[in-house]
Amino acid sequence: MSSDKTKPNISRIYDYMLGGHNNFESDRRAAEEVLKVFPAYPRWAKLNRWFLQLIGEQWAAQGQQRILDLGSGIPTQGHLHTVLPDAKILYTDNDPIVVAYARELLQDTPNVTFELVDMRDASTVITMAGSTFSAERQVAIGCIGISYFIDDTNLQRLMQALHDWAAPGSVMALTAPCSNILLDDTRETVAWFKRNNAEIFSRDETILRTLCAPWKMVTFKPLTEWLDVKHLMNDADYVDNTEFNGVMFEHADTKAIEL
């Protein structure tokens, strides 16, 4: 999607769905179009953001001090730096408008960097990570609410590059719609995203395990299980367990070192 303010952008639509105010009229119009054919979209956004917060809390408890977050969007509505205030964080996004605004929001957080990077460009992602973290390569990597906009070839290339660069002990979290999400009632939404240069790629556990290798998949389960949604959401907001999954990975060589 374009960084032109007159054209919708995924990051800004996502912000709107979360109830944020960092979006433009074009994004709001696009969001309303999506809601007409797929009113559950805000639930996707909420579940992804709540999972991000949960993972951030887990990483904080584990003492993770270096965070690489891919496809970050606008860092509001409870992003990682709010639950990991002492960590060194690299946020990325491919929209110049999002990056410029994010840097304004984060100007008082010197331990947080926000860079313009398209995560389909694996070599640039690694260059930015190396520049930010230097020799300290044991990192926690977030790929929340974004991996399903990346085609198989580019996702596999990115996962391999990240694993080659990261040190043993590194971990990664991502969210992914499962294979049966592309049912008749969502095909119009998928088609809308494709028309706006943001195709959705739905993957099951086996496919995702293969594409993300050599990262070792540790946990694959519905976000509703991760989040105990029955207590967090109203009945009207309930999302079926098969709709979205939270996936945890660890570096394949993690067990070779003593943590």
Protein backbone atom coordinates (compact mmCIF):
# COMPACT_ATOMS: atom_id res chain seq x y z
CA MET A 1 0.00 0.00 0.00
CA SER A 2 1.12 3.55 -0.70
CA SER A 3 2.60 6.02 1.79
CA ASP A 4 0.53 8.71 0.04
CA LYS A 5 -1.90 10.26 2.55
CA THR A 6 -4.65 10.09 -0.05
CA LYS A 7 -4.31 6.31 -0.34
CA PRO A 8 -5.00 3.75 2.41
CA ASN A 9 -2.12 2.16 4.29
CA ILE A 10 -2.22 -1.10 6.27
CA SER A 11 -0.46 0.32 9.34
CA ARG A 12 -2.83 3.28 9.56
CA ILE A 13 -5.92 1.14 8.92
CA TYR A 14 -4.71 -1.12 11.73
CA ASP A 15 -4.36 1.90 14.01
CA TYR A 16 -7.92 2.92 13.18
CA MET A 17 -9.20 -0.58 13.93
CA LEU A 18 -7.51 -0.40 17.33
CA GLY A 19 -9.30 2.86 18.09
CA GLY A 20 -6.26 5.04 17.42
CA HIS A 21 -6.21 8.50 15.90
CA ASN A 22 -3.02 8.29 13.83
CA ASN A 23 -4.71 7.78 10.48
CA PHE A 24 -6.11 9.75 7.56
CA GLU A 25 -9.47 10.02 5.85
CA SER A 26 -8.35 7.60 3.13
CA ASP A 27 -7.52 5.00 5.79
CA ARG A 28 -10.84 5.47 7.57
CA ARG A 29 -12.80 5.13 4.34
CA ALA A 30 -10.88 1.98 3.47
CA ALA A 31 -11.46 0.57 6.95
CA GLU A 32 -15.18 1.16 6.67
CA GLU A 33 -15.19 -0.66 3.32
CA VAL A 34 -13.50 -3.65 4.94
CA LEU A 35 -15.94 -3.62 7.85
CA LYS A 36 -18.88 -3.89 5.46
CA VAL A 37 -17.68 -7.27 4.22
CA PHE A 38 -15.71 -8.42 7.27
CA PRO A 39 -16.89 -6.85 10.54
CA ALA A 40 -14.57 -9.12 12.56
CA TYR A 41 -11.47 -7.19 11.47
CA PRO A 42 -11.28 -5.10 14.69
CA ARG A 43 -11.25 -8.37 16.61
CA TRP A 44 -8.23 -9.48 14.61
CA ALA A 45 -6.49 -6.24 15.47
CA LYS A 46 -7.36 -6.47 19.17
CA LEU A 47 -6.22 -10.07 19.47
CA ASN A 48 -2.94 -9.33 17.70
CA ARG A 49 -2.23 -6.32 19.92
CA TRP A 50 -3.16 -8.17 23.13
CA PHE A 51 -0.87 -11.01 22.09
CA LEU A 52 1.91 -8.51 21.45
CA GLN A 53 1.47 -7.16 24.97
CA LEU A 54 1.40 -10.66 26.45
CA ILE A 55 4.59 -11.62 24.64
CA GLY A 56 6.21 -8.36 25.72
CA GLU A 57 5.40 -9.19 29.34
CA GLN A 58 6.86 -12.67 28.92
CA TRP A 59 10.01 -11.28 27.35
CA ALA A 60 10.34 -8.78 30.19
CA ALA A 61 10.04 -11.62 32.72
CA GLN A 62 12.72 -13.54 30.82
CA GLY A 63 15.04 -10.55 30.95
CA GLN A 64 15.11 -9.96 27.19
CA GLN A 65 17.00 -6.72 26.59
CA ARG A 66 17.12 -6.50 22.78
CA ILE A 67 13.91 -6.46 20.74
CA LEU A 68 13.56 -6.43 16.94
CA ASP A 69 9.96 -5.75 15.91
CA LEU A 70 9.07 -6.11 12.24
CA GLY A 71 6.19 -4.31 10.56
CA SER A 72 5.57 -2.36 13.76
CA GLY A 73 3.04 0.16 12.56
CA ILE A 74 2.36 3.22 14.68
CA PRO A 75 3.74 2.55 18.20
CA THR A 76 0.64 3.46 20.16
CA GLN A 77 -2.12 1.50 21.88
CA GLY A 78 0.20 -0.52 24.15
CA HIS A 79 3.22 -1.32 21.99
CA LEU A 80 6.36 -3.15 23.15
CA HIS A 81 8.27 -0.19 24.57
CA THR A 82 5.49 0.33 27.12
CA VAL A 83 5.93 -3.16 28.58
CA LEU A 84 9.71 -3.29 28.03
CA PRO A 85 10.75 0.24 29.03
CA ASP A 86 14.40 -0.67 29.65
CA ALA A 87 14.98 -2.80 26.57
CA LYS A 88 16.80 -1.68 23.44
CA ILE A 89 14.15 -1.82 20.72
CA LEU A 90 14.29 -1.55 16.94
CA TYR A 91 10.90 -0.93 15.35
CA THR A 92 10.48 -1.12 11.57
CA ASP A 93 7.84 -0.21 9.01
CA ASN A 94 7.75 0.29 5.25
CA ASP A 95 5.62 3.46 5.25
CA PRO A 96 7.59 6.75 5.44
CA ILE A 97 4.60 8.57 6.97
CA VAL A 98 4.30 5.98 9.74
CA VAL A 99 8.04 6.12 10.41
CA ALA A 100 8.14 9.91 10.55
CA TYR A 101 5.20 10.09 12.94
CA ALA A 102 6.53 7.24 15.07
CA ARG A 103 9.85 9.02 15.52
CA GLU A 104 7.99 12.06 16.83
CA LEU A 105 6.08 9.90 19.31
CA LEU A 106 9.27 8.17 20.46
CA GLN A 107 11.57 11.18 20.70
CA ASP A 108 11.71 10.87 24.49
CA THR A 109 12.67 7.18 24.42
CA PRO A 110 16.39 7.12 23.53
CA ASN A 111 16.61 3.33 23.78
CA VAL A 112 14.06 2.93 20.96
CA THR A 113 14.89 3.28 17.25
CA PHE A 114 12.39 3.33 14.38
CA GLU A 115 13.69 2.62 10.88
CA LEU A 116 12.15 2.62 7.41
CA VAL A 117 12.51 -1.00 6.29
CA ASP A 118 10.45 -3.28 4.09
CA MET A 119 10.63 -6.69 5.77
CA ARG A 120 10.57 -8.32 2.33
CA ASP A 121 14.09 -6.91 1.95
CA ALA A 122 15.86 -9.36 4.24
CA SER A 123 19.35 -7.97 3.70
CA THR A 124 18.29 -4.47 4.78
CA VAL A 125 16.51 -5.86 7.84
CA ILE A 126 19.72 -7.60 8.88
CA THR A 127 21.82 -4.50 8.19
CA MET A 128 19.55 -2.38 10.39
CA ALA A 129 19.55 -5.01 13.13
CA GLY A 130 23.33 -5.23 13.05
CA SER A 131 23.67 -1.45 13.21
CA THR A 132 21.30 -1.24 16.18
CA PHE A 133 22.46 -4.19 18.28
CA SER A 134 26.10 -4.46 17.12
CA ALA A 135 27.68 -7.68 18.41
CA GLU A 136 24.80 -8.38 20.80
CA ARG A 137 22.80 -10.76 18.67
CA GLN A 138 20.68 -12.60 21.23
CA VAL A 139 17.37 -10.92 20.49
CA ALA A 140 13.62 -11.34 20.79
CA ILE A 141 11.93 -10.87 17.42
CA GLY A 142 8.33 -9.79 16.96
CA CYS A 143 6.42 -10.44 13.75
CA ILE A 144 2.93 -9.75 15.04
CA GLY A 145 0.07 -8.99 12.67
CA ILE A 146 2.30 -8.80 9.61
CA SER A 147 3.73 -12.16 8.46
CA TYR A 148 0.53 -13.03 6.59
CA PHE A 149 1.07 -10.07 4.25
CA ILE A 150 4.40 -11.57 3.11
CA ASP A 151 4.54 -14.14 0.32
CA ASP A 152 6.15 -17.54 0.90
CA THR A 153 9.41 -16.80 -0.91
CA ASN A 154 10.12 -13.56 0.92
CA LEU A 155 9.01 -14.93 4.29
CA GLN A 156 11.28 -17.94 3.97
CA ARG A 157 14.20 -15.75 2.90
CA LEU A 158 13.62 -13.43 5.87
CA MET A 159 13.38 -16.27 8.39
CA GLN A 160 16.60 -17.83 7.14
CA ALA A 161 18.44 -14.50 7.23
CA LEU A 162 17.24 -13.73 10.75
CA HIS A 163 18.28 -17.16 11.99
CA ASP A 164 21.71 -16.85 10.37
CA TRP A 165 22.23 -13.45 12.01
CA ALA A 166 20.71 -14.07 15.46
CA ALA A 167 22.58 -15.79 18.26
CA PRO A 168 21.49 -18.97 20.06
CA GLY A 169 19.07 -18.03 22.80
CA SER A 170 17.10 -15.77 20.45
CA VAL A 171 13.33 -16.17 20.31
CA MET A 172 10.61 -15.11 17.91
CA ALA A 173 6.84 -14.61 18.09
CA LEU A 174 4.40 -14.18 15.23
CA THR A 175 0.70 -14.40 14.52
CA ALA A 176 -0.88 -16.14 11.56
CA PRO A 177 -4.36 -16.86 10.24
CA CYS A 178 -4.83 -20.60 9.86
CA SER A 179 -5.62 -22.31 6.58
CA ASN A 180 -9.40 -22.40 7.00
CA ILE A 181 -9.78 -18.65 7.53
CA LEU A 182 -10.28 -18.09 3.81
CA LEU A 183 -13.89 -19.23 3.81
CA ASP A 184 -16.68 -17.78 1.72
CA ASP A 185 -17.53 -15.11 4.30
CA THR A 186 -14.00 -13.68 4.23
CA ARG A 187 -13.14 -13.98 0.54
CA GLU A 188 -14.43 -10.49 -0.20
CA THR A 189 -12.08 -9.09 2.43
CA VAL A 190 -9.12 -11.02 1.08
CA ALA A 191 -9.97 -9.78 -2.42
CA TRP A 192 -10.16 -6.19 -1.14
CA PHE A 193 -6.69 -6.39 0.38
CA LYS A 194 -5.30 -7.92 -2.81
CA ARG A 195 -6.74 -5.07 -4.89
CA ASN A 196 -4.93 -2.69 -2.55
CA ASN A 197 -1.56 -4.43 -2.87
CA ALA A 198 -1.79 -6.21 0.48
CA GLU A 199 -2.52 -9.84 -0.29
CA ILE A 200 -3.24 -12.11 2.69
CA PHE A 201 -1.43 -15.46 2.86
CA SER A 202 -3.10 -18.04 5.09
CA ARG A 203 -0.91 -20.89 6.38
CA ASP A 204 -1.41 -23.92 8.56
CA GLU A 205 1.03 -25.16 11.19
CA THR A 206 2.94 -27.46 8.84
CA ILE A 207 3.47 -24.83 6.17
CA LEU A 208 4.50 -22.21 8.70
CA ARG A 209 6.95 -24.60 10.35
CA THR A 210 8.58 -25.21 6.97
CA LEU A 211 8.72 -21.56 5.92
CA CYS A 212 10.21 -20.44 9.24
CA ALA A 213 12.89 -23.13 9.42
CA PRO A 214 15.53 -23.38 10.76
CA TRP A 215 13.75 -21.59 13.62
CA LYS A 216 12.35 -24.26 15.95
CA MET A 217 8.59 -23.99 16.48
CA VAL A 218 7.85 -24.28 20.21
CA THR A 219 4.16 -23.40 20.49
CA PHE A 220 1.36 -23.06 17.95
CA LYS A 221 -2.09 -22.37 19.38
CA PRO A 222 -5.09 -20.07 18.91
CA LEU A 223 -4.84 -16.53 20.25
CA THR A 224 -8.05 -17.20 22.14
CA GLU A 225 -6.17 -19.82 24.17
CA TRP A 226 -3.15 -17.59 24.71
CA LEU A 227 -5.34 -14.76 25.91
CA ASP A 228 -8.18 -16.57 27.69
CA VAL A 229 -10.54 -14.52 25.55
CA LYS A 230 -13.69 -15.53 27.37
CA HIS A 231 -12.54 -13.29 30.21
CA LEU A 232 -11.07 -10.51 28.08
CA MET A 233 -13.79 -10.03 25.48
CA ASN A 234 -17.54 -9.63 25.36
CA ASP A 235 -19.59 -12.40 23.80
CA ALA A 236 -20.11 -10.22 20.73
CA ASP A 237 -16.33 -9.98 20.26
CA TYR A 238 -15.63 -13.69 20.56
CA VAL A 239 -13.45 -15.08 17.80
CA ASP A 240 -13.48 -18.76 16.96
CA ASN A 241 -10.36 -20.65 18.06
CA THR A 242 -9.48 -21.56 14.50
CA GLU A 243 -9.30 -17.99 13.25
CA PHE A 244 -5.87 -16.77 14.37
CA ASN A 245 -2.84 -18.41 15.97
CA GLY A 246 0.05 -17.19 18.07
CA VAL A 247 3.30 -18.97 17.31
CA MET A 248 6.50 -19.07 19.36
CA PHE A 249 9.90 -20.04 17.99
CA GLU A 250 13.39 -20.37 19.39
CA HIS A 251 16.76 -20.40 17.67
CA ALA A 252 17.59 -23.92 16.53
CA ASP A 253 20.92 -23.85 18.40
CA THR A 254 19.49 -22.55 21.69
CA LYS A 255 19.99 -25.83 23.56
CA ALA A 256 23.67 -25.79 22.61
CA ILE A 257 24.36 -22.98 25.08
CA GLU A 258 23.70 -22.42 28.76
CA LEU A 259 21.26 -19.58 29.31
